[in-house]
N, C-alpha and C. Protein backbone atom coordinates (compact mmCIF):
# COMPACT_ATOMS: atom_id res chain seq x y z
N MET A 1 -31.99 -29.73 -3.21
CA MET A 1 -32.83 -30.53 -3.92
C MET A 1 -33.58 -31.54 -3.12
N THR A 2 -34.80 -31.76 -3.25
CA THR A 2 -35.53 -32.55 -2.45
C THR A 2 -35.25 -34.18 -2.72
N PHE A 3 -35.72 -34.94 -1.93
CA PHE A 3 -35.47 -36.39 -1.96
C PHE A 3 -36.14 -36.98 -3.34
N TYR A 4 -37.42 -36.41 -3.74
CA TYR A 4 -38.07 -36.85 -4.95
C TYR A 4 -37.30 -36.35 -6.11
N GLN A 5 -36.69 -35.20 -6.21
CA GLN A 5 -35.96 -34.65 -7.30
C GLN A 5 -34.70 -35.51 -7.49
N GLU A 6 -34.18 -35.90 -6.40
CA GLU A 6 -32.81 -36.62 -6.41
C GLU A 6 -33.04 -38.08 -7.11
N ILE A 7 -34.10 -38.68 -6.47
CA ILE A 7 -34.32 -40.05 -6.92
C ILE A 7 -34.86 -40.08 -8.29
N GLY A 8 -35.58 -39.00 -8.85
CA GLY A 8 -35.98 -38.90 -10.04
C GLY A 8 -34.77 -38.98 -11.24
N LYS A 9 -33.69 -38.55 -10.60
CA LYS A 9 -32.55 -38.31 -11.57
C LYS A 9 -31.71 -39.74 -11.47
N ASN A 10 -32.02 -40.69 -10.80
CA ASN A 10 -31.23 -41.91 -10.81
C ASN A 10 -31.57 -42.75 -12.01
N ASP A 11 -30.67 -42.59 -12.91
CA ASP A 11 -31.06 -43.38 -14.13
C ASP A 11 -31.19 -44.95 -14.09
N VAL A 12 -30.41 -45.44 -13.23
CA VAL A 12 -30.50 -46.95 -12.89
C VAL A 12 -31.83 -47.42 -12.27
N LEU A 13 -32.32 -46.45 -11.49
CA LEU A 13 -33.69 -46.82 -10.78
C LEU A 13 -34.78 -46.57 -12.00
N ASN A 14 -34.55 -45.50 -12.76
CA ASN A 14 -35.54 -45.31 -13.70
C ASN A 14 -35.67 -46.47 -14.65
N VAL A 15 -34.68 -46.89 -15.15
CA VAL A 15 -34.55 -48.21 -16.04
C VAL A 15 -35.26 -49.31 -15.35
N THR A 16 -34.94 -49.57 -13.95
CA THR A 16 -35.52 -50.63 -13.35
C THR A 16 -36.90 -50.64 -13.19
N ILE A 17 -37.48 -49.42 -12.95
CA ILE A 17 -38.97 -49.17 -12.81
C ILE A 17 -39.59 -49.29 -14.22
N LEU A 18 -39.09 -48.75 -15.16
CA LEU A 18 -39.58 -48.79 -16.35
C LEU A 18 -39.61 -50.12 -17.03
N SER A 19 -38.58 -50.89 -16.76
CA SER A 19 -38.46 -52.42 -17.40
C SER A 19 -39.73 -53.17 -16.63
N TRP A 20 -39.93 -53.09 -15.47
CA TRP A 20 -40.93 -53.71 -14.65
C TRP A 20 -42.27 -53.13 -15.19
N PHE A 21 -42.59 -52.01 -15.32
CA PHE A 21 -43.73 -51.29 -15.84
C PHE A 21 -44.19 -51.75 -17.43
N ILE A 22 -43.15 -51.85 -18.10
CA ILE A 22 -43.55 -52.27 -19.43
C ILE A 22 -43.85 -53.76 -19.57
N ALA A 23 -42.95 -54.61 -18.76
CA ALA A 23 -43.34 -55.91 -18.74
C ALA A 23 -44.79 -56.29 -18.19
N GLN A 24 -45.18 -55.52 -17.12
CA GLN A 24 -46.56 -55.78 -16.57
C GLN A 24 -47.54 -55.14 -17.58
N THR A 25 -47.38 -54.09 -18.22
CA THR A 25 -48.25 -53.60 -19.25
C THR A 25 -48.37 -54.57 -20.42
N LEU A 26 -47.32 -55.28 -20.93
CA LEU A 26 -47.31 -56.28 -21.77
C LEU A 26 -48.07 -57.51 -21.45
N LYS A 27 -48.16 -57.94 -20.22
CA LYS A 27 -48.92 -58.97 -19.73
C LYS A 27 -50.48 -58.75 -19.93
N VAL A 28 -50.84 -57.49 -19.68
CA VAL A 28 -52.27 -56.95 -19.72
C VAL A 28 -52.59 -57.07 -21.25
N ILE A 29 -51.79 -56.60 -22.10
CA ILE A 29 -51.99 -56.65 -23.63
C ILE A 29 -52.09 -58.03 -24.14
N PHE A 30 -51.08 -58.80 -23.55
CA PHE A 30 -51.09 -60.36 -24.18
C PHE A 30 -52.40 -61.17 -23.78
N THR A 31 -52.86 -60.87 -22.55
CA THR A 31 -53.98 -61.47 -21.98
C THR A 31 -55.28 -60.99 -22.76
N LEU A 32 -55.21 -59.76 -23.13
CA LEU A 32 -56.41 -59.17 -23.76
C LEU A 32 -56.38 -59.81 -25.19
N ILE A 33 -55.19 -59.93 -25.82
CA ILE A 33 -55.35 -60.56 -27.20
C ILE A 33 -55.72 -62.06 -27.04
N LYS A 34 -55.14 -62.75 -25.99
CA LYS A 34 -55.27 -64.25 -25.94
C LYS A 34 -56.69 -64.49 -25.45
N GLU A 35 -57.12 -63.83 -24.50
CA GLU A 35 -58.55 -64.22 -23.73
C GLU A 35 -59.73 -63.22 -24.25
N LYS A 36 -59.40 -62.26 -25.22
CA LYS A 36 -60.35 -61.46 -25.62
C LYS A 36 -61.18 -60.66 -24.66
N ARG A 37 -60.55 -60.43 -23.39
CA ARG A 37 -61.12 -59.53 -22.21
C ARG A 37 -59.94 -58.85 -21.60
N LEU A 38 -60.39 -57.82 -20.89
CA LEU A 38 -59.34 -56.89 -20.25
C LEU A 38 -59.28 -57.36 -18.87
N ASN A 39 -58.06 -57.90 -18.44
CA ASN A 39 -57.87 -58.47 -17.07
C ASN A 39 -56.71 -57.47 -16.47
N LEU A 40 -57.12 -56.40 -15.92
CA LEU A 40 -56.12 -55.48 -15.24
C LEU A 40 -55.43 -56.05 -14.11
N TYR A 41 -55.90 -57.17 -13.58
CA TYR A 41 -55.24 -57.93 -12.37
C TYR A 41 -53.86 -58.33 -13.07
N ARG A 42 -53.87 -58.64 -14.20
CA ARG A 42 -52.49 -59.05 -14.71
C ARG A 42 -51.43 -58.07 -14.56
N PHE A 43 -51.81 -56.82 -14.45
CA PHE A 43 -50.78 -55.71 -14.28
C PHE A 43 -50.09 -55.79 -12.94
N VAL A 44 -50.81 -56.39 -11.90
CA VAL A 44 -50.15 -56.53 -10.66
C VAL A 44 -49.73 -57.95 -10.31
N GLY A 45 -50.25 -58.98 -11.07
CA GLY A 45 -50.12 -60.34 -10.88
C GLY A 45 -48.88 -60.77 -11.15
N SER A 46 -48.56 -62.05 -10.59
CA SER A 46 -47.12 -62.60 -10.91
C SER A 46 -47.43 -63.62 -12.06
N GLY A 47 -46.33 -64.09 -12.62
CA GLY A 47 -46.42 -65.07 -13.85
C GLY A 47 -46.86 -64.58 -15.04
N GLY A 48 -46.70 -65.30 -16.08
CA GLY A 48 -47.07 -64.79 -17.39
C GLY A 48 -45.81 -64.44 -18.29
N MET A 49 -46.24 -63.84 -19.34
CA MET A 49 -45.31 -63.31 -20.35
C MET A 49 -45.35 -61.90 -20.53
N PRO A 50 -44.12 -61.22 -20.49
CA PRO A 50 -42.86 -61.65 -20.20
C PRO A 50 -42.84 -61.66 -18.63
N SER A 51 -41.70 -62.18 -18.24
CA SER A 51 -41.46 -62.20 -16.67
C SER A 51 -41.03 -60.68 -16.39
N SER A 52 -41.73 -60.10 -15.54
CA SER A 52 -41.45 -58.77 -15.13
C SER A 52 -40.25 -58.75 -14.11
N HIS A 53 -40.10 -59.89 -13.36
CA HIS A 53 -39.11 -60.03 -12.30
C HIS A 53 -37.73 -60.10 -13.24
N SER A 54 -37.75 -60.80 -14.30
CA SER A 54 -36.57 -60.88 -15.06
C SER A 54 -36.12 -59.58 -15.81
N SER A 55 -37.33 -58.96 -16.25
CA SER A 55 -37.07 -57.55 -17.07
C SER A 55 -36.51 -56.63 -15.95
N LEU A 56 -37.00 -56.53 -14.71
CA LEU A 56 -36.63 -55.55 -13.87
C LEU A 56 -35.08 -55.86 -13.23
N VAL A 57 -34.92 -57.05 -13.02
CA VAL A 57 -33.39 -57.51 -12.56
C VAL A 57 -32.28 -57.38 -13.69
N MET A 58 -32.69 -57.68 -15.04
CA MET A 58 -31.87 -57.49 -16.26
C MET A 58 -31.70 -56.03 -16.59
N GLY A 59 -32.73 -55.37 -16.35
CA GLY A 59 -32.60 -53.94 -16.58
C GLY A 59 -31.74 -53.10 -15.71
N LEU A 60 -31.97 -53.62 -14.30
CA LEU A 60 -31.00 -53.03 -13.29
C LEU A 60 -29.59 -53.41 -13.49
N SER A 61 -29.40 -54.78 -13.82
CA SER A 61 -27.99 -55.18 -13.92
C SER A 61 -27.36 -54.71 -15.20
N THR A 62 -27.98 -54.50 -16.28
CA THR A 62 -27.58 -53.85 -17.47
C THR A 62 -27.19 -52.50 -17.33
N ALA A 63 -28.04 -51.67 -16.72
CA ALA A 63 -27.89 -50.26 -16.23
C ALA A 63 -26.61 -50.01 -15.46
N VAL A 64 -26.47 -50.90 -14.43
CA VAL A 64 -25.30 -50.79 -13.45
C VAL A 64 -24.08 -51.14 -14.31
N GLY A 65 -24.04 -52.11 -15.24
CA GLY A 65 -22.81 -52.32 -16.11
C GLY A 65 -22.63 -51.36 -16.97
N LEU A 66 -23.62 -50.61 -17.62
CA LEU A 66 -23.47 -49.50 -18.33
C LEU A 66 -22.69 -48.45 -17.79
N LYS A 67 -23.26 -48.14 -16.42
CA LYS A 67 -22.84 -46.87 -15.70
C LYS A 67 -21.58 -47.16 -14.94
N SER A 68 -21.37 -48.28 -14.34
CA SER A 68 -20.18 -48.47 -13.57
C SER A 68 -19.12 -49.21 -14.05
N GLY A 69 -19.42 -49.88 -15.29
CA GLY A 69 -18.42 -50.83 -15.80
C GLY A 69 -18.64 -52.26 -15.77
N TRP A 70 -18.30 -52.99 -16.62
CA TRP A 70 -18.74 -54.50 -16.54
C TRP A 70 -17.83 -55.27 -15.58
N HIS A 71 -16.68 -54.53 -15.26
CA HIS A 71 -15.70 -55.09 -14.24
C HIS A 71 -15.89 -54.66 -13.05
N SER A 72 -16.95 -53.85 -12.59
CA SER A 72 -17.18 -53.31 -11.23
C SER A 72 -17.82 -54.26 -10.39
N LEU A 73 -17.65 -54.02 -9.06
CA LEU A 73 -18.15 -54.71 -7.95
C LEU A 73 -19.64 -54.69 -8.02
N GLU A 74 -20.06 -53.52 -8.38
CA GLU A 74 -21.63 -53.27 -8.37
C GLU A 74 -22.29 -54.19 -9.51
N TYR A 75 -21.61 -54.15 -10.62
CA TYR A 75 -22.32 -55.11 -11.61
C TYR A 75 -22.15 -56.52 -11.15
N ALA A 76 -21.13 -56.97 -10.65
CA ALA A 76 -21.04 -58.44 -10.15
C ALA A 76 -22.27 -58.62 -9.25
N ILE A 77 -22.37 -57.69 -8.28
CA ILE A 77 -23.60 -57.85 -7.42
C ILE A 77 -24.93 -58.03 -8.08
N ALA A 78 -25.09 -56.92 -8.90
CA ALA A 78 -26.30 -56.97 -9.66
C ALA A 78 -26.62 -58.08 -10.55
N ILE A 79 -25.70 -58.53 -11.35
CA ILE A 79 -25.93 -59.73 -12.13
C ILE A 79 -26.12 -60.91 -11.21
N SER A 80 -25.33 -61.10 -10.09
CA SER A 80 -25.67 -62.40 -9.48
C SER A 80 -26.83 -62.33 -8.79
N PHE A 81 -27.48 -61.24 -8.45
CA PHE A 81 -28.85 -61.05 -7.94
C PHE A 81 -29.89 -61.30 -8.99
N ALA A 82 -29.61 -60.94 -10.21
CA ALA A 82 -30.42 -61.15 -11.51
C ALA A 82 -30.59 -62.56 -11.68
N LEU A 83 -29.33 -63.34 -11.63
CA LEU A 83 -29.49 -64.82 -11.93
C LEU A 83 -30.05 -65.38 -11.08
N ILE A 84 -30.06 -65.29 -9.75
CA ILE A 84 -30.86 -65.91 -8.56
C ILE A 84 -32.38 -65.47 -8.88
N VAL A 85 -32.74 -64.32 -9.07
CA VAL A 85 -34.12 -64.05 -9.29
C VAL A 85 -34.63 -64.84 -10.51
N MET A 86 -33.93 -64.91 -11.61
CA MET A 86 -34.39 -65.48 -12.86
C MET A 86 -34.61 -67.02 -12.60
N TYR A 87 -33.49 -67.53 -11.86
CA TYR A 87 -33.61 -69.09 -11.65
C TYR A 87 -34.87 -69.42 -10.73
N ASP A 88 -35.06 -68.54 -9.76
CA ASP A 88 -36.15 -68.75 -8.81
C ASP A 88 -37.54 -68.66 -9.58
N ALA A 89 -37.61 -67.59 -10.54
CA ALA A 89 -38.82 -67.49 -11.19
C ALA A 89 -39.10 -68.64 -12.17
N SER A 90 -38.20 -69.32 -12.65
CA SER A 90 -38.42 -70.38 -13.64
C SER A 90 -38.25 -71.86 -13.07
N GLY A 91 -37.77 -71.72 -11.80
CA GLY A 91 -37.56 -73.21 -11.17
C GLY A 91 -38.67 -73.29 -9.97
N VAL A 92 -38.28 -72.87 -8.80
CA VAL A 92 -39.02 -72.94 -7.60
C VAL A 92 -40.51 -72.34 -7.82
N ARG A 93 -40.69 -71.15 -8.21
CA ARG A 93 -42.13 -70.60 -8.43
C ARG A 93 -42.81 -71.28 -9.36
N ARG A 94 -42.19 -71.89 -10.44
CA ARG A 94 -42.97 -72.60 -11.54
C ARG A 94 -43.33 -73.82 -11.00
N ALA A 95 -42.49 -74.50 -10.14
CA ALA A 95 -42.95 -75.87 -9.53
C ALA A 95 -44.15 -75.69 -8.52
N VAL A 96 -44.02 -74.43 -7.84
CA VAL A 96 -45.28 -74.22 -6.91
C VAL A 96 -46.49 -74.17 -7.76
N GLY A 97 -46.39 -73.45 -8.84
CA GLY A 97 -47.66 -73.22 -9.77
C GLY A 97 -48.27 -74.50 -10.26
N LYS A 98 -47.23 -75.44 -10.79
CA LYS A 98 -47.63 -76.73 -11.15
C LYS A 98 -48.37 -77.49 -10.06
N GLN A 99 -47.87 -77.37 -8.84
CA GLN A 99 -48.44 -78.17 -7.66
C GLN A 99 -49.85 -77.48 -7.34
N ALA A 100 -50.03 -76.27 -7.55
CA ALA A 100 -51.23 -75.53 -7.35
C ALA A 100 -52.37 -76.09 -8.27
N ILE A 101 -51.87 -76.28 -9.59
CA ILE A 101 -52.84 -77.00 -10.58
C ILE A 101 -53.33 -78.20 -10.25
N ILE A 102 -52.37 -79.06 -9.70
CA ILE A 102 -52.83 -80.34 -9.18
C ILE A 102 -53.79 -80.43 -7.96
N LEU A 103 -53.30 -79.53 -7.18
CA LEU A 103 -54.32 -79.43 -5.84
C LEU A 103 -55.65 -78.99 -6.22
N ASN A 104 -55.70 -77.94 -7.22
CA ASN A 104 -56.87 -77.46 -7.59
C ASN A 104 -57.80 -78.49 -8.29
N LYS A 105 -57.21 -79.34 -8.97
CA LYS A 105 -57.96 -80.43 -9.68
C LYS A 105 -58.40 -81.43 -8.62
N MET A 106 -57.59 -81.71 -7.65
CA MET A 106 -57.96 -82.51 -6.59
C MET A 106 -59.31 -82.05 -5.91
N ILE A 107 -59.21 -80.81 -5.56
CA ILE A 107 -60.32 -80.05 -4.91
C ILE A 107 -61.56 -80.19 -5.76
N GLU A 108 -61.49 -80.03 -7.13
CA GLU A 108 -62.73 -80.06 -7.97
C GLU A 108 -63.25 -81.42 -8.06
N ASP A 109 -62.30 -82.34 -7.89
CA ASP A 109 -62.74 -83.87 -8.22
C ASP A 109 -63.15 -84.45 -6.92
N ARG A 110 -63.39 -83.77 -5.78
CA ARG A 110 -63.92 -84.29 -4.61
C ARG A 110 -65.45 -84.58 -4.74
N HIS A 111 -65.70 -85.83 -5.02
CA HIS A 111 -67.14 -86.27 -5.14
C HIS A 111 -67.40 -87.16 -4.09
N HIS A 112 -68.51 -86.64 -3.33
CA HIS A 112 -69.08 -87.46 -2.10
C HIS A 112 -67.90 -87.43 -0.96
N HIS A 113 -67.15 -86.71 -1.04
CA HIS A 113 -66.07 -86.66 0.08
C HIS A 113 -66.34 -85.53 0.96
N LYS A 114 -65.66 -85.52 2.05
CA LYS A 114 -65.81 -84.22 3.00
C LYS A 114 -64.95 -83.03 2.22
N PRO A 115 -65.39 -81.94 1.94
CA PRO A 115 -64.68 -80.82 1.35
C PRO A 115 -63.25 -80.64 1.87
N ILE A 116 -62.40 -80.42 1.07
CA ILE A 116 -60.86 -80.12 1.36
C ILE A 116 -60.99 -78.62 1.66
N GLY A 117 -61.71 -77.78 0.82
CA GLY A 117 -61.61 -76.49 0.93
C GLY A 117 -62.25 -75.85 -0.30
N ASP A 118 -62.71 -74.62 -0.24
CA ASP A 118 -63.29 -74.18 -1.48
C ASP A 118 -62.44 -73.09 -2.28
N GLN A 119 -61.44 -72.64 -1.44
CA GLN A 119 -60.62 -71.57 -2.16
C GLN A 119 -59.48 -72.11 -3.01
N ARG A 120 -59.57 -71.67 -4.36
CA ARG A 120 -58.63 -72.10 -5.33
C ARG A 120 -57.24 -71.48 -4.98
N LEU A 121 -56.23 -72.31 -5.29
CA LEU A 121 -54.93 -71.89 -5.17
C LEU A 121 -54.43 -71.07 -6.44
N LYS A 122 -53.65 -70.12 -6.16
CA LYS A 122 -53.07 -69.26 -7.36
C LYS A 122 -52.08 -70.13 -8.16
N GLU A 123 -52.36 -70.39 -9.46
CA GLU A 123 -51.67 -71.34 -10.35
C GLU A 123 -50.49 -70.65 -11.04
N LEU A 124 -50.82 -69.23 -11.39
CA LEU A 124 -49.99 -68.57 -12.21
C LEU A 124 -48.93 -67.94 -11.37
N ILE A 125 -47.83 -68.48 -10.99
CA ILE A 125 -46.91 -68.04 -10.03
C ILE A 125 -45.54 -67.86 -10.69
N GLY A 126 -45.09 -68.83 -11.23
CA GLY A 126 -43.70 -68.93 -11.87
C GLY A 126 -43.69 -68.69 -13.43
N HIS A 127 -42.64 -68.77 -14.08
CA HIS A 127 -42.47 -68.63 -15.42
C HIS A 127 -41.86 -69.74 -16.18
N THR A 128 -42.16 -70.02 -17.42
CA THR A 128 -41.54 -70.89 -18.22
C THR A 128 -40.04 -70.37 -18.63
N PRO A 129 -39.09 -70.98 -19.01
CA PRO A 129 -37.73 -70.60 -19.33
C PRO A 129 -37.98 -69.40 -20.56
N PHE A 130 -38.83 -69.57 -21.32
CA PHE A 130 -39.01 -68.63 -22.53
C PHE A 130 -39.38 -67.24 -21.91
N GLU A 131 -40.48 -67.40 -20.86
CA GLU A 131 -41.00 -65.97 -20.40
C GLU A 131 -39.87 -65.37 -19.54
N VAL A 132 -38.94 -66.08 -18.84
CA VAL A 132 -37.93 -65.42 -18.26
C VAL A 132 -36.74 -64.93 -19.35
N PHE A 133 -36.53 -65.62 -20.29
CA PHE A 133 -35.68 -64.95 -21.26
C PHE A 133 -36.20 -63.85 -21.92
N ALA A 134 -37.53 -63.83 -22.24
CA ALA A 134 -38.19 -62.67 -22.80
C ALA A 134 -38.19 -61.46 -22.02
N GLY A 135 -38.32 -61.59 -20.62
CA GLY A 135 -38.16 -60.53 -19.85
C GLY A 135 -36.77 -60.07 -19.50
N ALA A 136 -35.85 -60.88 -19.52
CA ALA A 136 -34.41 -60.55 -19.62
C ALA A 136 -34.12 -59.74 -20.73
N ILE A 137 -34.39 -60.12 -21.96
CA ILE A 137 -34.19 -59.33 -23.19
C ILE A 137 -34.87 -57.91 -23.04
N LEU A 138 -36.04 -57.85 -22.54
CA LEU A 138 -36.70 -56.59 -22.47
C LEU A 138 -36.00 -55.79 -21.43
N GLY A 139 -35.44 -56.25 -20.40
CA GLY A 139 -34.86 -55.36 -19.42
C GLY A 139 -33.45 -54.87 -20.04
N ILE A 140 -32.86 -55.87 -20.78
CA ILE A 140 -31.46 -55.33 -21.41
C ILE A 140 -31.68 -54.29 -22.41
N PHE A 141 -32.84 -54.44 -23.16
CA PHE A 141 -33.29 -53.49 -24.22
C PHE A 141 -33.53 -52.11 -23.72
N ILE A 142 -34.27 -52.01 -22.58
CA ILE A 142 -34.74 -50.72 -21.99
C ILE A 142 -33.35 -50.14 -21.32
N ALA A 143 -32.54 -50.70 -20.71
CA ALA A 143 -31.37 -50.23 -20.28
C ALA A 143 -30.43 -49.58 -21.21
N ASN A 144 -30.32 -50.38 -22.44
CA ASN A 144 -29.55 -49.96 -23.51
C ASN A 144 -30.13 -48.60 -24.06
N LEU A 145 -31.59 -48.55 -24.31
CA LEU A 145 -32.16 -47.39 -24.57
C LEU A 145 -31.92 -46.05 -23.74
N MET A 146 -31.99 -46.31 -22.52
CA MET A 146 -32.00 -45.28 -21.64
C MET A 146 -30.79 -44.69 -21.02
N ILE A 147 -29.67 -45.62 -20.99
CA ILE A 147 -28.37 -45.31 -20.54
C ILE A 147 -27.60 -44.89 -21.55
């Protein structure tokens, strides 16, 4: 059996990838509904609703729990990893996004001053707690459907 055939049979990895893919696809759809335009960058961009990071790690940890048991070392590692990623997505990365908004406003407001720079900073980096929660629920749902 080839590497690709073996990896294709990895249920946990399939849940993880599908959870990420669906979350990213939903970002494109939600942006289309909200902005009335197709923005395919949302498929690969970070931030937004739902959190694909949260969906991926909760899909992973739920699939590991379902396959290996909720008492297993593997589940303990996976859920710990998931909690760190989700905390970072709604904490540190969200703060960086807020700072980018302020810095971009400062750059726009530079009247009669020496230019600070012309390149805008990326503002949509982190997630609100609701976006993280929605992503987590999506990952849990996908894992329960597939495992």
